[in-house]
Amino acid sequence: MVASNSKLMQCLLEKNGQHISIIDNLENEIECPRCHDIMTLCSDFDLLYYKCEECYLPLYTSPTSDY
């Protein structure tokens, strides 16, 4: 289950019957570098990216190897 508050993305996992909450440092909305409108966080299966609502510029996130 993925839930979000106003600023940060939160993920609630269940491992061995225990609920584990993970908070990433991904904001739900950022400013577009091209047109300065709002970019919204989107997902495409296993890929996270930001998409501008005005000019449709996509900005892709890169996974970290800390896992």
PDB file of N, CA and C in Angstrom:
ATOM      1  N   MET A   1       0.841  -1.173   0.000  1.00  0.00           N
ATOM      2  CA  MET A   1       0.000   0.000   0.000  1.00  0.00           C
ATOM      3  C   MET A   1       0.882   1.231   0.000  1.00  0.00           C
ATOM      4  N   VAL A   2       0.600   2.188  -0.845  1.00  0.00           N
ATOM      5  CA  VAL A   2       1.341   3.437  -0.890  1.00  0.00           C
ATOM      6  C   VAL A   2       0.393   4.560  -0.527  1.00  0.00           C
ATOM      7  N   ALA A   3       0.776   5.334   0.445  1.00  0.00           N
ATOM      8  CA  ALA A   3      -0.033   6.480   0.864  1.00  0.00           C
ATOM      9  C   ALA A   3       0.847   7.713   0.834  1.00  0.00           C
ATOM     10  N   SER A   4       0.241   8.876   0.746  1.00  0.00           N
ATOM     11  CA  SER A   4       1.054  10.086   0.736  1.00  0.00           C
ATOM     12  C   SER A   4       0.418  11.166   1.571  1.00  0.00           C
ATOM     13  N   ASN A   5       1.270  11.964   2.192  1.00  0.00           N
ATOM     14  CA  ASN A   5       0.777  13.148   2.862  1.00  0.00           C
ATOM     15  C   ASN A   5       1.035  14.330   1.939  1.00  0.00           C
ATOM     16  N   SER A   6       1.007  15.547   2.440  1.00  0.00           N
ATOM     17  CA  SER A   6       1.089  16.701   1.552  1.00  0.00           C
ATOM     18  C   SER A   6       2.469  16.876   0.926  1.00  0.00           C
ATOM     19  N   LYS A   7       3.532  16.403   1.551  1.00  0.00           N
ATOM     20  CA  LYS A   7       4.870  16.655   1.029  1.00  0.00           C
ATOM     21  C   LYS A   7       5.655  15.400   0.651  1.00  0.00           C
ATOM     22  N   LEU A   8       5.670  14.384   1.494  1.00  0.00           N
ATOM     23  CA  LEU A   8       6.549  13.246   1.266  1.00  0.00           C
ATOM     24  C   LEU A   8       5.773  11.991   0.934  1.00  0.00           C
ATOM     25  N   MET A   9       6.393  11.136   0.136  1.00  0.00           N
ATOM     26  CA  MET A   9       5.787   9.856  -0.196  1.00  0.00           C
ATOM     27  C   MET A   9       6.068   8.881   0.939  1.00  0.00           C
ATOM     28  N   GLN A  10       5.057   8.140   1.368  1.00  0.00           N
ATOM     29  CA  GLN A  10       5.209   7.156   2.418  1.00  0.00           C
ATOM     30  C   GLN A  10       4.790   5.795   1.903  1.00  0.00           C
ATOM     31  N   CYS A  11       5.469   4.788   2.343  1.00  0.00           N
ATOM     32  CA  CYS A  11       5.151   3.422   1.938  1.00  0.00           C
ATOM     33  C   CYS A  11       4.995   2.574   3.191  1.00  0.00           C
ATOM     34  N   LEU A  12       3.902   1.824   3.277  1.00  0.00           N
ATOM     35  CA  LEU A  12       3.636   0.962   4.421  1.00  0.00           C
ATOM     36  C   LEU A  12       3.790  -0.483   3.967  1.00  0.00           C
ATOM     37  N   LEU A  13       4.740  -1.186   4.552  1.00  0.00           N
ATOM     38  CA  LEU A  13       5.014  -2.566   4.191  1.00  0.00           C
ATOM     39  C   LEU A  13       4.666  -3.480   5.357  1.00  0.00           C
ATOM     40  N   GLU A  14       4.409  -4.728   5.039  1.00  0.00           N
ATOM     41  CA  GLU A  14       4.160  -5.717   6.085  1.00  0.00           C
ATOM     42  C   GLU A  14       5.211  -6.808   5.936  1.00  0.00           C
ATOM     43  N   LYS A  15       5.974  -7.012   6.996  1.00  0.00           N
ATOM     44  CA  LYS A  15       7.037  -8.015   6.984  1.00  0.00           C
ATOM     45  C   LYS A  15       6.911  -8.853   8.247  1.00  0.00           C
ATOM     46  N   ASN A  16       6.724 -10.141   8.074  1.00  0.00           N
ATOM     47  CA  ASN A  16       6.567 -11.073   9.190  1.00  0.00           C
ATOM     48  C   ASN A  16       5.457 -10.625  10.140  1.00  0.00           C
ATOM     49  N   GLY A  17       4.346 -10.112   9.585  1.00  0.00           N
ATOM     50  CA  GLY A  17       3.220  -9.695  10.402  1.00  0.00           C
ATOM     51  C   GLY A  17       3.355  -8.331  11.032  1.00  0.00           C
ATOM     52  N   GLN A  18       4.509  -7.671  10.851  1.00  0.00           N
ATOM     53  CA  GLN A  18       4.721  -6.346  11.417  1.00  0.00           C
ATOM     54  C   GLN A  18       4.594  -5.296  10.318  1.00  0.00           C
ATOM     55  N   HIS A  19       3.996  -4.155  10.657  1.00  0.00           N
ATOM     56  CA  HIS A  19       3.885  -3.055   9.707  1.00  0.00           C
ATOM     57  C   HIS A  19       5.141  -2.199   9.788  1.00  0.00           C
ATOM     58  N   ILE A  20       5.755  -1.959   8.637  1.00  0.00           N
ATOM     59  CA  ILE A  20       6.966  -1.149   8.559  1.00  0.00           C
ATOM     60  C   ILE A  20       6.659   0.057   7.683  1.00  0.00           C
ATOM     61  N   SER A  21       6.933   1.239   8.173  1.00  0.00           N
ATOM     62  CA  SER A  21       6.680   2.468   7.431  1.00  0.00           C
ATOM     63  C   SER A  21       7.997   3.007   6.890  1.00  0.00           C
ATOM     64  N   ILE A  22       8.039   3.291   5.595  1.00  0.00           N
ATOM     65  CA  ILE A  22       9.230   3.834   4.943  1.00  0.00           C
ATOM     66  C   ILE A  22       8.873   5.204   4.382  1.00  0.00           C
ATOM     67  N   ILE A  23       9.670   6.197   4.714  1.00  0.00           N
ATOM     68  CA  ILE A  23       9.452   7.537   4.186  1.00  0.00           C
ATOM     69  C   ILE A  23      10.627   7.873   3.277  1.00  0.00           C
ATOM     70  N   ASP A  24      10.348   8.108   2.025  1.00  0.00           N
ATOM     71  CA  ASP A  24      11.380   8.501   1.071  1.00  0.00           C
ATOM     72  C   ASP A  24      11.463  10.013   1.028  1.00  0.00           C
ATOM     73  N   ASN A  25      12.521  10.516   0.469  1.00  0.00           N
ATOM     74  CA  ASN A  25      12.687  11.955   0.356  1.00  0.00           C
ATOM     75  C   ASN A  25      12.193  12.467  -0.996  1.00  0.00           C
ATOM     76  N   LEU A  26      11.189  11.824  -1.560  1.00  0.00           N
ATOM     77  CA  LEU A  26      10.592  12.265  -2.814  1.00  0.00           C
ATOM     78  C   LEU A  26       9.374  13.122  -2.511  1.00  0.00           C
ATOM     79  N   GLU A  27       9.363  14.320  -3.021  1.00  0.00           N
ATOM     80  CA  GLU A  27       8.204  15.176  -2.848  1.00  0.00           C
ATOM     81  C   GLU A  27       7.167  14.831  -3.902  1.00  0.00           C
ATOM     82  N   ASN A  28       5.894  15.016  -3.575  1.00  0.00           N
ATOM     83  CA  ASN A  28       4.820  14.720  -4.517  1.00  0.00           C
ATOM     84  C   ASN A  28       4.769  15.723  -5.657  1.00  0.00           C
ATOM     85  N   GLU A  29       5.156  16.962  -5.381  1.00  0.00           N
ATOM     86  CA  GLU A  29       5.145  17.997  -6.408  1.00  0.00           C
ATOM     87  C   GLU A  29       6.434  18.809  -6.331  1.00  0.00           C
ATOM     88  N   ILE A  30       7.001  19.133  -7.498  1.00  0.00           N
ATOM     89  CA  ILE A  30       8.173  19.988  -7.583  1.00  0.00           C
ATOM     90  C   ILE A  30       7.940  21.018  -8.681  1.00  0.00           C
ATOM     91  N   GLU A  31       8.842  21.995  -8.777  1.00  0.00           N
ATOM     92  CA  GLU A  31       8.722  23.031  -9.802  1.00  0.00           C
ATOM     93  C   GLU A  31       9.424  22.580 -11.083  1.00  0.00           C
ATOM     94  N   CYS A  32       8.780  22.796 -12.203  1.00  0.00           N
ATOM     95  CA  CYS A  32       9.340  22.421 -13.496  1.00  0.00           C
ATOM     96  C   CYS A  32      10.499  23.357 -13.853  1.00  0.00           C
ATOM     97  N   PRO A  33      11.650  22.813 -14.250  1.00  0.00           N
ATOM     98  CA  PRO A  33      12.775  23.666 -14.628  1.00  0.00           C
ATOM     99  C   PRO A  33      12.562  24.391 -15.964  1.00  0.00           C
ATOM    100  N   ARG A  34      11.666  23.884 -16.791  1.00  0.00           N
ATOM    101  CA  ARG A  34      11.426  24.495 -18.097  1.00  0.00           C
ATOM    102  C   ARG A  34      10.417  25.642 -18.034  1.00  0.00           C
ATOM    103  N   CYS A  35       9.235  25.385 -17.485  1.00  0.00           N
ATOM    104  CA  CYS A  35       8.167  26.395 -17.524  1.00  0.00           C
ATOM    105  C   CYS A  35       7.773  26.909 -16.137  1.00  0.00           C
ATOM    106  N   HIS A  36       8.365  26.369 -15.078  1.00  0.00           N
ATOM    107  CA  HIS A  36       8.116  26.777 -13.692  1.00  0.00           C
ATOM    108  C   HIS A  36       6.698  26.482 -13.216  1.00  0.00           C
ATOM    109  N   ASP A  37       6.025  25.550 -13.854  1.00  0.00           N
ATOM    110  CA  ASP A  37       4.719  25.091 -13.397  1.00  0.00           C
ATOM    111  C   ASP A  37       4.935  23.919 -12.434  1.00  0.00           C
ATOM    112  N   ILE A  38       3.882  23.228 -12.066  1.00  0.00           N
ATOM    113  CA  ILE A  38       3.962  22.128 -11.105  1.00  0.00           C
ATOM    114  C   ILE A  38       4.238  20.807 -11.820  1.00  0.00           C
ATOM    115  N   MET A  39       5.216  20.052 -11.291  1.00  0.00           N
ATOM    116  CA  MET A  39       5.479  18.688 -11.760  1.00  0.00           C
ATOM    117  C   MET A  39       4.968  17.733 -10.686  1.00  0.00           C
ATOM    118  N   THR A  40       4.241  16.707 -11.111  1.00  0.00           N
ATOM    119  CA  THR A  40       3.629  15.751 -10.199  1.00  0.00           C
ATOM    120  C   THR A  40       4.373  14.421 -10.283  1.00  0.00           C
ATOM    121  N   LEU A  41       4.558  13.787  -9.133  1.00  0.00           N
ATOM    122  CA  LEU A  41       5.196  12.483  -9.075  1.00  0.00           C
ATOM    123  C   LEU A  41       4.266  11.425  -9.656  1.00  0.00           C
ATOM    124  N   CYS A  42       4.788  10.629 -10.599  1.00  0.00           N
ATOM    125  CA  CYS A  42       4.008   9.577 -11.264  1.00  0.00           C
ATOM    126  C   CYS A  42       4.782   8.264 -11.171  1.00  0.00           C
ATOM    127  N   SER A  43       4.093   7.166 -11.416  1.00  0.00           N
ATOM    128  CA  SER A  43       4.765   5.866 -11.443  1.00  0.00           C
ATOM    129  C   SER A  43       4.343   5.098 -12.681  1.00  0.00           C
ATOM    130  N   ASP A  44       5.280   4.333 -13.194  1.00  0.00           N
ATOM    131  CA  ASP A  44       5.037   3.476 -14.345  1.00  0.00           C
ATOM    132  C   ASP A  44       5.639   2.105 -14.027  1.00  0.00           C
ATOM    133  N   PHE A  45       4.863   1.270 -13.373  1.00  0.00           N
ATOM    134  CA  PHE A  45       5.253  -0.050 -12.904  1.00  0.00           C
ATOM    135  C   PHE A  45       6.387   0.056 -11.885  1.00  0.00           C
ATOM    136  N   ASP A  46       7.652  -0.050 -12.282  1.00  0.00           N
ATOM    137  CA  ASP A  46       8.767   0.024 -11.341  1.00  0.00           C
ATOM    138  C   ASP A  46       9.600   1.292 -11.523  1.00  0.00           C
ATOM    139  N   LEU A  47       9.042   2.310 -12.148  1.00  0.00           N
ATOM    140  CA  LEU A  47       9.762   3.533 -12.463  1.00  0.00           C
ATOM    141  C   LEU A  47       9.014   4.736 -11.893  1.00  0.00           C
ATOM    142  N   LEU A  48       9.716   5.598 -11.172  1.00  0.00           N
ATOM    143  CA  LEU A  48       9.134   6.835 -10.662  1.00  0.00           C
ATOM    144  C   LEU A  48       9.664   8.010 -11.468  1.00  0.00           C
ATOM    145  N   TYR A  49       8.777   8.936 -11.784  1.00  0.00           N
ATOM    146  CA  TYR A  49       9.191  10.124 -12.526  1.00  0.00           C
ATOM    147  C   TYR A  49       8.253  11.275 -12.217  1.00  0.00           C
ATOM    148  N   TYR A  50       8.714  12.479 -12.498  1.00  0.00           N
ATOM    149  CA  TYR A  50       7.883  13.672 -12.373  1.00  0.00           C
ATOM    150  C   TYR A  50       7.447  14.100 -13.763  1.00  0.00           C
ATOM    151  N   LYS A  51       6.190  14.527 -13.893  1.00  0.00           N
ATOM    152  CA  LYS A  51       5.667  14.967 -15.180  1.00  0.00           C
ATOM    153  C   LYS A  51       5.043  16.343 -14.997  1.00  0.00           C
ATOM    154  N   CYS A  52       5.430  17.277 -15.869  1.00  0.00           N
ATOM    155  CA  CYS A  52       4.907  18.637 -15.794  1.00  0.00           C
ATOM    156  C   CYS A  52       3.471  18.673 -16.311  1.00  0.00           C
ATOM    157  N   GLU A  53       2.621  19.392 -15.600  1.00  0.00           N
ATOM    158  CA  GLU A  53       1.220  19.499 -15.995  1.00  0.00           C
ATOM    159  C   GLU A  53       1.018  20.463 -17.163  1.00  0.00           C
ATOM    160  N   GLU A  54       1.981  21.349 -17.393  1.00  0.00           N
ATOM    161  CA  GLU A  54       1.842  22.356 -18.439  1.00  0.00           C
ATOM    162  C   GLU A  54       2.569  21.949 -19.732  1.00  0.00           C
ATOM    163  N   CYS A  55       3.872  21.663 -19.636  1.00  0.00           N
ATOM    164  CA  CYS A  55       4.651  21.379 -20.850  1.00  0.00           C
ATOM    165  C   CYS A  55       4.945  19.891 -21.039  1.00  0.00           C
ATOM    166  N   TYR A  56       4.514  19.034 -20.103  1.00  0.00           N
ATOM    167  CA  TYR A  56       4.649  17.566 -20.181  1.00  0.00           C
ATOM    168  C   TYR A  56       6.097  17.068 -20.168  1.00  0.00           C
ATOM    169  N   LEU A  57       7.006  17.867 -19.634  1.00  0.00           N
ATOM    170  CA  LEU A  57       8.395  17.451 -19.496  1.00  0.00           C
ATOM    171  C   LEU A  57       8.491  16.327 -18.464  1.00  0.00           C
ATOM    172  N   PRO A  58       9.118  15.185 -18.801  1.00  0.00           N
ATOM    173  CA  PRO A  58       9.304  14.131 -17.799  1.00  0.00           C
ATOM    174  C   PRO A  58      10.700  14.223 -17.169  1.00  0.00           C
ATOM    175  N   LEU A  59      10.783  14.063 -15.864  1.00  0.00           N
ATOM    176  CA  LEU A  59      12.051  13.965 -15.155  1.00  0.00           C
ATOM    177  C   LEU A  59      12.040  12.640 -14.410  1.00  0.00           C
ATOM    178  N   TYR A  60      12.982  11.762 -14.745  1.00  0.00           N
ATOM    179  CA  TYR A  60      13.008  10.422 -14.177  1.00  0.00           C
ATOM    180  C   TYR A  60      13.900  10.368 -12.947  1.00  0.00           C
ATOM    181  N   THR A  61      13.464   9.629 -11.950  1.00  0.00           N
ATOM    182  CA  THR A  61      14.285   9.411 -10.748  1.00  0.00           C
ATOM    183  C   THR A  61      15.177   8.218 -11.010  1.00  0.00           C
ATOM    184  N   SER A  62      16.296   8.184 -10.307  1.00  0.00           N
ATOM    185  CA  SER A  62      17.200   7.038 -10.443  1.00  0.00           C
ATOM    186  C   SER A  62      17.202   6.277  -9.129  1.00  0.00           C
ATOM    187  N   PRO A  63      17.139   4.958  -9.186  1.00  0.00           N
ATOM    188  CA  PRO A  63      17.135   4.165  -7.960  1.00  0.00           C
ATOM    189  C   PRO A  63      18.518   4.208  -7.298  1.00  0.00           C
ATOM    190  N   THR A  64      18.530   4.113  -5.981  1.00  0.00           N
ATOM    191  CA  THR A  64      19.799   4.071  -5.259  1.00  0.00           C
ATOM    192  C   THR A  64      20.177   2.630  -4.996  1.00  0.00           C
ATOM    193  N   SER A  65      21.432   2.397  -4.764  1.00  0.00           N
ATOM    194  CA  SER A  65      21.899   1.032  -4.497  1.00  0.00           C
ATOM    195  C   SER A  65      22.050   0.776  -3.008  1.00  0.00           C
ATOM    196  N   ASP A  66      21.378   1.559  -2.156  1.00  0.00           N
ATOM    197  CA  ASP A  66      21.488   1.416  -0.710  1.00  0.00           C
ATOM    198  C   ASP A  66      20.649   0.264  -0.169  1.00  0.00           C
ATOM    199  N   TYR A  67      19.852  -0.377  -0.979  1.00  0.00           N
ATOM    200  CA  TYR A  67      18.960  -1.422  -0.498  1.00  0.00           C
ATOM    201  C   TYR A  67      19.712  -2.673  -0.342  1.00  0.00           C
TER     202      TYR A  67
END
